[in-house]
Amino acid sequence: MSGNSPFDFACGATGRRQFIRTLGAAGLGLAATGSGLFGAAGPVPAVMGAAPAARLDPAAPLRIGMIGDEGHTYEIFNALPKIPGAQIAAHAFEDGDWEYNADGSPRRGGAYDLDARRKWCAGQSWHHDKLKVYETYQEMLDKEKLDIAVVCLPYVRNAYASAAAAAHGVNVLCEKPVAVNNADLDMLEAAVKKSGVRLSALFSMRFAPTIYTLRGTVQAGSVGKVALASAQKSYKWGEERPWFYKQADIYGSTILWVAIHAIDFMRWSTGLEVKKVEAMHGNLAHPDYPGCQDYAVLNLQFEGGAAAAMTADYLRPETAPTHGDDRLRVIGSGGVVETKDLDTRVELITTAAKPVDLPLAEPPMLFADFVAELRGQGTHLIGPDEAVRVTRICIAATQSAREGKIIEV
């Protein structure tokens, strides 16, 4: 990201001129009504303040320890070639303090096939001769000097591995949810604060070109004062789901695993904090997985009176052209901006101009963006407290769905 201009934020340097031309008529029209393209308060900078101080030497090798392989590990693997000196130094697959292995088999009384894990690692593009493969993350953290731990375990164990990494002074990028209940989240938050390490989460949709563009447009003031947002996360179920989707205490909830993306990008795009949540969820089509909900509906009350609504489901037909159908719409006093066509377009309509398709932004890669902040080269798009804050909102929403009441967060 370059400079402090909202055009930089919305488009990056390569698309700035086109973005200005596209929004020109809308911006002039809003200015005529007193709103202005940037709103009454003037331009909204892409990054508030100076970049955080470096935690890691940008000239030194970057030693990464993988913990588990559940979820969006490709966010890390795909970014490695873009990050100077980055290397998976070690990979651990299990939690030695848990009763289960990641595949659902009991940890006690059975042999563990670590050679199979070594063979899997050997087949990956990021493999190298010095890679260390461990059964448990506890052993890995005790033996390896790491800069970053990437935690991708069955969801209930993410908080424990992340807290352990923090206790070893290792920065953490964790798959969401970072915890499935408030007790574990409190424990993780305390560990991070005590150690002073940086915690982030795989809120990958902030880095989707459409969401990134939409957020920049809203923050530039193009829709005026935000009043309402709506979102959708709809996925195919597929042939099967992981074994722990059958156990609510391990899975957490579909709000915590799927809806969390929409809660995060609505909050981020509008720039408004969530104050109250109301939710419903259930399982109507997948009785073999009773710990998982195949639909969820949420209402959010933002600060200042704005509101939002969203749905999440695992009911997208297998015949659909894509695995997911993600949507976001933000409505303000001066216009509407929304993603369209299976999250491939962003359309802006204002009170002064007809609908226009905005040029899509060029966001950074999530993992590269995280590393850049650790090296003092930028500010990560996910703030230091946001992994905990967004998770806490989702835990409250899950509680709301279970108890049938509105909860303040």
Protein backbone atom coordinates (compact mmCIF):
# COMPACT_ATOMS: atom_id res chain seq x y z
CA MET A 1 0.00 0.00 0.00
CA SER A 2 1.29 3.44 -0.84
CA GLY A 3 0.67 6.82 0.65
CA ASN A 4 -2.32 7.92 2.68
CA SER A 5 -4.82 8.64 -0.09
CA PRO A 6 -8.11 6.74 -0.09
CA PHE A 7 -7.48 6.24 -3.80
CA ASP A 8 -4.26 4.42 -2.86
CA PHE A 9 -6.26 2.30 -0.48
CA ALA A 10 -9.06 1.55 -2.90
CA CYS A 11 -7.02 0.79 -5.97
CA GLY A 12 -3.30 0.73 -5.40
CA ALA A 13 -0.96 2.83 -7.49
CA THR A 14 -1.73 1.06 -10.77
CA GLY A 15 -5.48 1.66 -10.65
CA ARG A 16 -5.64 5.09 -9.06
CA ARG A 17 -6.19 7.15 -12.20
CA GLN A 18 -8.88 4.81 -13.48
CA PHE A 19 -10.60 4.86 -10.09
CA ILE A 20 -10.62 8.65 -10.08
CA ARG A 21 -12.11 8.75 -13.59
CA THR A 22 -14.76 6.16 -12.73
CA LEU A 23 -15.86 7.93 -9.58
CA GLY A 24 -15.54 11.42 -11.03
CA ALA A 25 -19.19 12.02 -11.83
CA ALA A 26 -20.37 10.44 -8.60
CA GLY A 27 -17.88 12.43 -6.57
CA LEU A 28 -18.79 15.75 -8.17
CA GLY A 29 -22.45 15.03 -7.66
CA LEU A 30 -21.98 14.26 -4.00
CA ALA A 31 -19.88 17.39 -3.61
CA ALA A 32 -22.76 19.42 -5.04
CA THR A 33 -25.05 18.05 -2.33
CA GLY A 34 -22.54 18.85 0.41
CA SER A 35 -21.42 15.29 0.98
CA GLY A 36 -18.27 15.22 -1.12
CA LEU A 37 -16.45 12.15 -2.29
CA PHE A 38 -14.55 11.99 0.97
CA GLY A 39 -17.39 12.94 3.29
CA ALA A 40 -17.61 15.96 5.56
CA ALA A 41 -14.52 15.04 7.56
CA GLY A 42 -12.19 15.04 4.54
CA PRO A 43 -10.05 12.22 3.17
CA VAL A 44 -9.83 8.98 5.10
CA PRO A 45 -6.23 7.75 5.17
CA ALA A 46 -5.51 4.15 4.27
CA VAL A 47 -3.35 3.71 7.36
CA MET A 48 -3.75 5.77 10.52
CA GLY A 49 -0.39 6.93 11.87
CA ALA A 50 3.07 5.55 11.30
CA ALA A 51 3.77 1.88 10.67
CA PRO A 52 4.49 -0.12 13.84
CA ALA A 53 8.10 -0.58 14.87
CA ALA A 54 9.84 -3.63 13.45
CA ARG A 55 9.66 -6.80 15.53
CA LEU A 56 11.78 -8.82 13.11
CA ASP A 57 14.91 -7.97 11.13
CA PRO A 58 13.82 -7.64 7.48
CA ALA A 59 17.27 -8.80 6.35
CA ALA A 60 17.19 -11.98 8.45
CA PRO A 61 15.66 -15.32 7.38
CA LEU A 62 12.03 -15.75 8.42
CA ARG A 63 11.52 -19.02 10.31
CA ILE A 64 7.91 -20.24 10.21
CA GLY A 65 6.48 -23.07 12.28
CA MET A 66 3.27 -24.69 11.02
CA ILE A 67 0.95 -26.18 13.66
CA GLY A 68 -1.69 -28.45 12.12
CA ASP A 69 -3.04 -28.43 8.59
CA GLU A 70 -6.75 -27.66 9.05
CA GLY A 71 -8.16 -24.76 7.06
CA HIS A 72 -6.63 -22.18 4.76
CA THR A 73 -2.94 -23.07 4.96
CA TYR A 74 -2.59 -22.11 1.29
CA GLU A 75 -2.68 -18.48 2.44
CA ILE A 76 0.79 -19.10 3.85
CA PHE A 77 2.19 -21.50 1.27
CA ASN A 78 1.17 -19.35 -1.72
CA ALA A 79 2.76 -16.25 -0.20
CA LEU A 80 6.17 -17.79 0.57
CA PRO A 81 7.76 -16.99 -2.83
CA LYS A 82 6.77 -13.33 -2.38
CA ILE A 83 8.48 -12.91 1.02
CA PRO A 84 12.28 -12.60 1.04
CA GLY A 85 13.91 -15.15 3.30
CA ALA A 86 10.67 -16.88 4.28
CA GLN A 87 10.83 -20.61 4.91
CA ILE A 88 8.78 -23.26 6.68
CA ALA A 89 11.38 -24.26 9.28
CA ALA A 90 9.24 -26.86 11.03
CA HIS A 91 5.83 -28.49 10.85
CA ALA A 92 4.00 -30.06 13.78
CA PHE A 93 0.71 -31.86 13.34
CA GLU A 94 -0.72 -32.73 16.74
CA ASP A 95 -1.58 -31.30 20.15
CA GLY A 96 0.15 -33.47 22.74
CA ASP A 97 -2.23 -32.32 25.48
CA TRP A 98 -5.41 -33.30 23.62
CA GLU A 99 -7.26 -36.61 23.72
CA TYR A 100 -7.55 -36.75 19.92
CA ASN A 101 -5.23 -36.65 16.97
CA ALA A 102 -6.19 -34.27 14.18
CA ASP A 103 -7.81 -37.15 12.26
CA GLY A 104 -10.05 -38.02 15.22
CA SER A 105 -8.13 -41.10 16.38
CA PRO A 106 -7.36 -41.34 20.12
CA ARG A 107 -3.90 -40.15 21.11
CA ARG A 108 -3.48 -42.64 23.92
CA GLY A 109 -2.63 -46.27 23.26
CA GLY A 110 -1.99 -46.08 19.52
CA ALA A 111 1.07 -45.77 17.31
CA TYR A 112 1.59 -42.53 15.41
CA ASP A 113 2.77 -42.62 11.80
CA LEU A 114 5.12 -39.65 11.67
CA ASP A 115 6.73 -41.03 8.51
CA ALA A 116 3.46 -40.46 6.66
CA ARG A 117 3.60 -36.83 7.71
CA ARG A 118 7.22 -36.55 6.53
CA LYS A 119 6.26 -38.00 3.18
CA TRP A 120 3.42 -35.52 2.85
CA CYS A 121 5.76 -32.61 3.59
CA ALA A 122 8.30 -33.98 1.11
CA GLY A 123 5.71 -33.68 -1.63
CA GLN A 124 5.02 -29.98 -1.03
CA SER A 125 6.50 -27.19 -3.12
CA TRP A 126 7.86 -25.46 0.01
CA HIS A 127 9.74 -28.54 1.25
CA HIS A 128 13.51 -28.34 1.79
CA ASP A 129 16.16 -30.63 3.21
CA LYS A 130 16.40 -28.86 6.57
CA LEU A 131 12.66 -28.97 7.32
CA LYS A 132 11.95 -30.50 10.76
CA VAL A 133 8.77 -32.53 11.15
CA TYR A 134 7.32 -33.03 14.64
CA GLU A 135 4.42 -34.99 16.02
CA THR A 136 3.36 -32.32 18.55
CA TYR A 137 3.60 -28.56 18.58
CA GLN A 138 4.79 -28.70 22.18
CA GLU A 139 7.98 -30.46 21.10
CA MET A 140 8.42 -28.14 18.14
CA LEU A 141 8.11 -24.98 20.24
CA ASP A 142 10.59 -26.34 22.80
CA LYS A 143 13.22 -27.23 20.21
CA GLU A 144 12.88 -24.65 17.43
CA LYS A 145 13.61 -20.93 17.35
CA LEU A 146 10.74 -19.50 15.34
CA ASP A 147 9.60 -16.06 14.23
CA ILE A 148 6.00 -16.95 13.40
CA ALA A 149 3.72 -19.84 14.32
CA VAL A 150 0.81 -20.54 11.98
CA VAL A 151 -1.92 -22.38 13.91
CA CYS A 152 -4.43 -24.50 11.97
CA LEU A 153 -5.75 -27.18 14.33
CA PRO A 154 -9.30 -28.47 14.89
CA TYR A 155 -10.91 -25.28 16.05
CA VAL A 156 -11.24 -25.89 19.79
CA ARG A 157 -7.45 -26.33 20.10
CA ASN A 158 -6.39 -23.18 18.24
CA ALA A 159 -6.38 -21.06 21.39
CA TYR A 160 -4.11 -23.47 23.26
CA ALA A 161 -1.49 -23.74 20.54
CA SER A 162 -1.56 -19.99 19.95
CA ALA A 163 -1.13 -19.27 23.66
CA ALA A 164 1.75 -21.75 23.84
CA ALA A 165 3.48 -20.08 20.89
CA ALA A 166 2.99 -16.68 22.52
CA ALA A 167 4.54 -18.00 25.75
CA HIS A 168 7.62 -18.94 23.70
CA GLY A 169 7.80 -15.38 22.32
CA VAL A 170 6.60 -16.38 18.85
CA ASN A 171 4.26 -14.18 16.78
CA VAL A 172 1.04 -15.96 15.83
CA LEU A 173 -1.12 -16.13 12.73
CA CYS A 174 -4.10 -18.34 13.60
CA GLU A 175 -6.86 -19.87 11.55
CA LYS A 176 -10.25 -18.61 12.65
CA PRO A 177 -11.83 -19.08 15.02
CA VAL A 178 -8.92 -18.37 17.35
CA ALA A 179 -11.11 -19.75 20.16
CA VAL A 180 -14.59 -21.28 20.47
CA ASN A 181 -15.55 -19.99 23.93
CA ASN A 182 -14.84 -16.95 26.08
CA ALA A 183 -12.74 -18.80 28.66
CA ASP A 184 -10.27 -19.96 26.01
CA LEU A 185 -10.34 -16.56 24.32
CA ASP A 186 -9.55 -14.84 27.62
CA MET A 187 -6.66 -17.23 28.16
CA LEU A 188 -5.26 -16.52 24.69
CA GLU A 189 -5.68 -12.76 25.05
CA ALA A 190 -3.84 -12.82 28.39
CA ALA A 191 -0.98 -14.88 26.93
CA VAL A 192 -0.55 -12.49 24.00
CA LYS A 193 -0.59 -9.42 26.23
CA LYS A 194 1.89 -10.95 28.67
CA SER A 195 4.36 -11.93 25.96
CA GLY A 196 3.90 -8.86 23.78
CA VAL A 197 3.84 -10.88 20.55
CA ARG A 198 1.64 -10.01 17.58
CA LEU A 199 -1.53 -12.05 17.01
CA SER A 200 -3.50 -12.06 13.77
CA ALA A 201 -6.12 -14.32 12.23
CA LEU A 202 -6.86 -15.69 8.77
CA PHE A 203 -9.57 -13.14 7.98
CA SER A 204 -8.78 -13.76 4.34
CA MET A 205 -11.78 -12.00 2.83
CA ARG A 206 -10.38 -8.58 3.73
CA PHE A 207 -7.80 -9.37 1.07
CA ALA A 208 -10.31 -10.27 -1.66
CA PRO A 209 -10.18 -7.63 -4.42
CA THR A 210 -13.92 -6.95 -4.23
CA ILE A 211 -14.11 -6.54 -0.45
CA TYR A 212 -10.90 -4.51 -0.44
CA THR A 213 -12.28 -2.21 -3.16
CA LEU A 214 -15.67 -1.89 -1.47
CA ARG A 215 -14.09 -0.98 1.86
CA GLY A 216 -11.95 1.71 0.26
CA THR A 217 -15.01 3.14 -1.48
CA VAL A 218 -17.02 3.34 1.73
CA GLN A 219 -14.15 4.83 3.69
CA ALA A 220 -13.66 7.41 0.95
CA GLY A 221 -17.20 8.63 1.72
CA SER A 222 -18.70 7.64 -1.62
CA VAL A 223 -21.95 6.34 -0.09
CA GLY A 224 -22.18 9.01 2.59
CA LYS A 225 -23.06 8.03 6.15
CA VAL A 226 -23.49 4.26 6.48
CA ALA A 227 -26.97 3.18 7.55
CA LEU A 228 -27.21 -0.49 6.61
CA ALA A 229 -25.13 -3.45 5.46
CA SER A 230 -26.10 -6.92 4.31
CA ALA A 231 -23.97 -9.97 3.56
CA GLN A 232 -24.12 -13.60 2.54
CA LYS A 233 -21.81 -16.59 2.88
CA SER A 234 -23.13 -19.67 1.07
CA TYR A 235 -21.02 -22.82 0.60
CA LYS A 236 -21.41 -26.26 -0.88
CA TRP A 237 -21.32 -29.04 1.68
CA GLY A 238 -19.24 -31.36 -0.49
CA GLU A 239 -18.97 -35.12 -0.10
CA GLU A 240 -18.13 -34.89 3.60
CA ARG A 241 -16.87 -32.59 6.31
CA PRO A 242 -14.15 -33.15 8.96
CA TRP A 243 -15.01 -35.57 11.74
CA PHE A 244 -15.14 -32.87 14.41
CA TYR A 245 -18.10 -31.16 12.70
CA LYS A 246 -20.10 -33.83 14.52
CA GLN A 247 -19.06 -32.47 17.93
CA ALA A 248 -20.18 -28.97 18.86
CA ASP A 249 -17.59 -28.56 21.61
CA ILE A 250 -14.79 -29.02 19.04
CA TYR A 251 -16.37 -27.38 15.98
CA GLY A 252 -17.75 -24.37 17.87
CA SER A 253 -20.41 -23.19 15.44
CA THR A 254 -20.94 -22.26 11.82
CA ILE A 255 -21.13 -18.68 13.03
CA LEU A 256 -17.56 -19.03 14.30
CA TRP A 257 -16.26 -20.85 11.23
CA VAL A 258 -18.21 -19.32 8.30
CA ALA A 259 -20.22 -16.28 9.39
CA ILE A 260 -17.14 -14.85 11.08
CA HIS A 261 -15.87 -13.77 7.65
CA ALA A 262 -18.98 -11.70 6.98
CA ILE A 263 -19.07 -10.24 10.48
CA ASP A 264 -15.45 -9.27 10.00
CA PHE A 265 -15.75 -7.72 6.56
CA MET A 266 -18.99 -5.86 7.38
CA ARG A 267 -17.37 -4.38 10.48
CA TRP A 268 -14.16 -3.57 8.55
CA SER A 269 -15.87 -2.17 5.46
CA THR A 270 -18.20 0.14 7.37
CA GLY A 271 -15.59 1.15 9.93
CA LEU A 272 -18.26 0.68 12.63
CA GLU A 273 -18.05 -1.39 15.79
CA VAL A 274 -20.68 -4.02 16.62
CA LYS A 275 -22.66 -3.30 19.79
CA LYS A 276 -25.43 -5.92 19.81
CA VAL A 277 -26.03 -9.27 18.12
CA GLU A 278 -29.08 -11.45 17.57
CA ALA A 279 -28.80 -14.80 15.80
CA MET A 280 -30.57 -18.01 14.87
CA HIS A 281 -29.02 -21.22 13.53
CA GLY A 282 -29.85 -24.85 12.97
CA ASN A 283 -29.18 -28.07 11.07
CA LEU A 284 -31.93 -29.14 8.69
CA ALA A 285 -30.11 -31.09 5.96
CA HIS A 286 -27.08 -32.79 7.57
CA PRO A 287 -28.25 -34.88 10.54
CA ASP A 288 -25.07 -36.99 10.47
CA TYR A 289 -23.16 -33.91 11.61
CA PRO A 290 -25.17 -32.75 14.65
CA GLY A 291 -22.38 -30.53 15.98
CA CYS A 292 -22.53 -28.32 12.91
CA GLN A 293 -25.24 -25.91 11.79
CA ASP A 294 -26.00 -25.78 8.07
CA TYR A 295 -27.60 -22.33 8.28
CA ALA A 296 -27.31 -19.21 10.41
CA VAL A 297 -29.03 -15.82 10.34
CA LEU A 298 -27.63 -12.79 12.19
CA ASN A 299 -28.66 -9.22 12.92
CA LEU A 300 -26.06 -6.72 14.11
CA GLN A 301 -26.48 -3.31 15.71
CA PHE A 302 -23.54 -0.99 14.99
CA GLU A 303 -22.47 2.05 16.94
CA GLY A 304 -24.30 5.20 15.93
CA GLY A 305 -27.50 3.36 15.03
CA ALA A 306 -26.50 1.62 11.79
CA ALA A 307 -27.52 -2.02 11.40
CA ALA A 308 -26.58 -5.12 9.42
CA ALA A 309 -28.04 -8.49 8.49
CA MET A 310 -26.36 -11.59 7.13
CA THR A 311 -26.91 -15.25 6.35
CA ALA A 312 -24.47 -18.16 6.24
CA ASP A 313 -25.19 -21.66 5.00
CA TYR A 314 -23.83 -24.98 3.74
CA LEU A 315 -26.80 -25.41 1.40
CA ARG A 316 -25.41 -24.23 -1.93
CA PRO A 317 -26.30 -26.87 -4.53
CA GLU A 318 -23.47 -29.04 -5.83
CA THR A 319 -24.53 -28.06 -9.36
CA ALA A 320 -23.64 -24.40 -8.72
CA PRO A 321 -20.74 -23.01 -10.79
CA THR A 322 -18.61 -22.08 -7.76
CA HIS A 323 -18.04 -23.53 -4.30
CA GLY A 324 -19.11 -20.32 -2.60
CA ASP A 325 -21.41 -17.36 -3.17
CA ASP A 326 -20.24 -14.43 -1.05
CA ARG A 327 -21.96 -11.05 -1.11
CA LEU A 328 -21.70 -7.66 0.58
CA ARG A 329 -23.87 -4.56 0.22
CA VAL A 330 -23.40 -1.27 2.07
CA ILE A 331 -26.12 1.40 1.97
CA GLY A 332 -25.52 4.99 3.01
CA SER A 333 -27.08 8.42 2.90
CA GLY A 334 -25.47 9.11 -0.48
CA GLY A 335 -25.51 5.79 -2.30
CA VAL A 336 -25.11 2.04 -2.40
CA VAL A 337 -22.04 -0.08 -3.14
CA GLU A 338 -22.15 -3.86 -3.49
CA THR A 339 -20.38 -6.91 -4.79
CA LYS A 340 -22.04 -8.67 -7.72
CA ASP A 341 -21.74 -11.66 -10.05
CA LEU A 342 -20.33 -14.21 -7.63
CA ASP A 343 -17.99 -11.69 -6.04
CA THR A 344 -16.33 -10.60 -9.30
CA ARG A 345 -17.69 -7.03 -9.61
CA VAL A 346 -18.24 -4.02 -7.37
CA GLU A 347 -21.03 -1.66 -8.37
CA LEU A 348 -21.51 1.86 -7.02
CA ILE A 349 -24.75 3.85 -7.32
CA THR A 350 -25.00 7.34 -5.83
CA THR A 351 -27.71 9.95 -5.49
CA ALA A 352 -25.90 11.96 -8.16
CA ALA A 353 -24.76 9.32 -10.66
CA LYS A 354 -25.91 6.19 -12.41
CA PRO A 355 -24.49 2.76 -11.57
CA VAL A 356 -20.82 2.24 -12.39
CA ASP A 357 -18.53 -0.78 -12.07
CA LEU A 358 -15.46 0.13 -10.04
CA PRO A 359 -11.99 -1.08 -11.04
CA LEU A 360 -10.97 -3.79 -8.61
CA ALA A 361 -8.19 -3.06 -6.19
CA GLU A 362 -4.93 -4.96 -5.92
CA PRO A 363 -4.77 -6.01 -2.26
CA PRO A 364 -1.67 -7.47 -0.67
CA MET A 365 -1.45 -11.14 0.24
CA LEU A 366 -2.57 -11.75 3.81
CA PHE A 367 0.56 -13.51 5.05
CA ALA A 368 2.91 -11.14 3.23
CA ASP A 369 1.01 -8.22 4.75
CA PHE A 370 1.42 -9.71 8.25
CA VAL A 371 5.14 -10.26 7.74
CA ALA A 372 5.57 -6.72 6.39
CA GLU A 373 4.28 -5.29 9.66
CA LEU A 374 6.50 -7.58 11.73
CA ARG A 375 9.45 -6.33 9.69
CA GLY A 376 8.48 -2.67 10.12
CA GLN A 377 7.57 -2.29 6.46
CA GLY A 378 3.87 -1.47 6.75
CA THR A 379 0.72 -1.78 8.84
CA HIS A 380 -1.18 -5.06 8.75
CA LEU A 381 -4.79 -4.75 7.58
CA ILE A 382 -5.88 -6.74 10.64
CA GLY A 383 -5.29 -4.69 13.78
CA PRO A 384 -3.55 -6.04 16.91
CA ASP A 385 -6.81 -6.55 18.86
CA GLU A 386 -9.09 -7.59 16.01
CA ALA A 387 -8.56 -11.36 16.07
CA VAL A 388 -9.85 -11.37 19.64
CA ARG A 389 -12.56 -8.76 19.11
CA VAL A 390 -14.16 -10.36 16.06
CA THR A 391 -14.04 -13.79 17.71
CA ARG A 392 -15.72 -12.41 20.81
CA ILE A 393 -18.54 -11.01 18.67
CA CYS A 394 -19.01 -14.43 17.05
CA ILE A 395 -19.03 -16.21 20.41
CA ALA A 396 -21.75 -13.80 21.53
CA ALA A 397 -23.70 -14.47 18.32
CA THR A 398 -23.43 -18.22 18.91
CA GLN A 399 -24.70 -17.71 22.45
CA SER A 400 -27.56 -15.63 21.08
CA ALA A 401 -28.57 -18.40 18.69
CA ARG A 402 -28.44 -21.02 21.46
CA GLU A 403 -30.32 -18.94 24.03
CA GLY A 404 -32.69 -16.98 21.80
CA LYS A 405 -31.83 -13.51 23.07
CA ILE A 406 -30.09 -10.31 22.03
CA ILE A 407 -26.59 -9.97 23.48
CA GLU A 408 -24.53 -6.83 23.94
CA VAL A 409 -20.87 -7.09 22.95
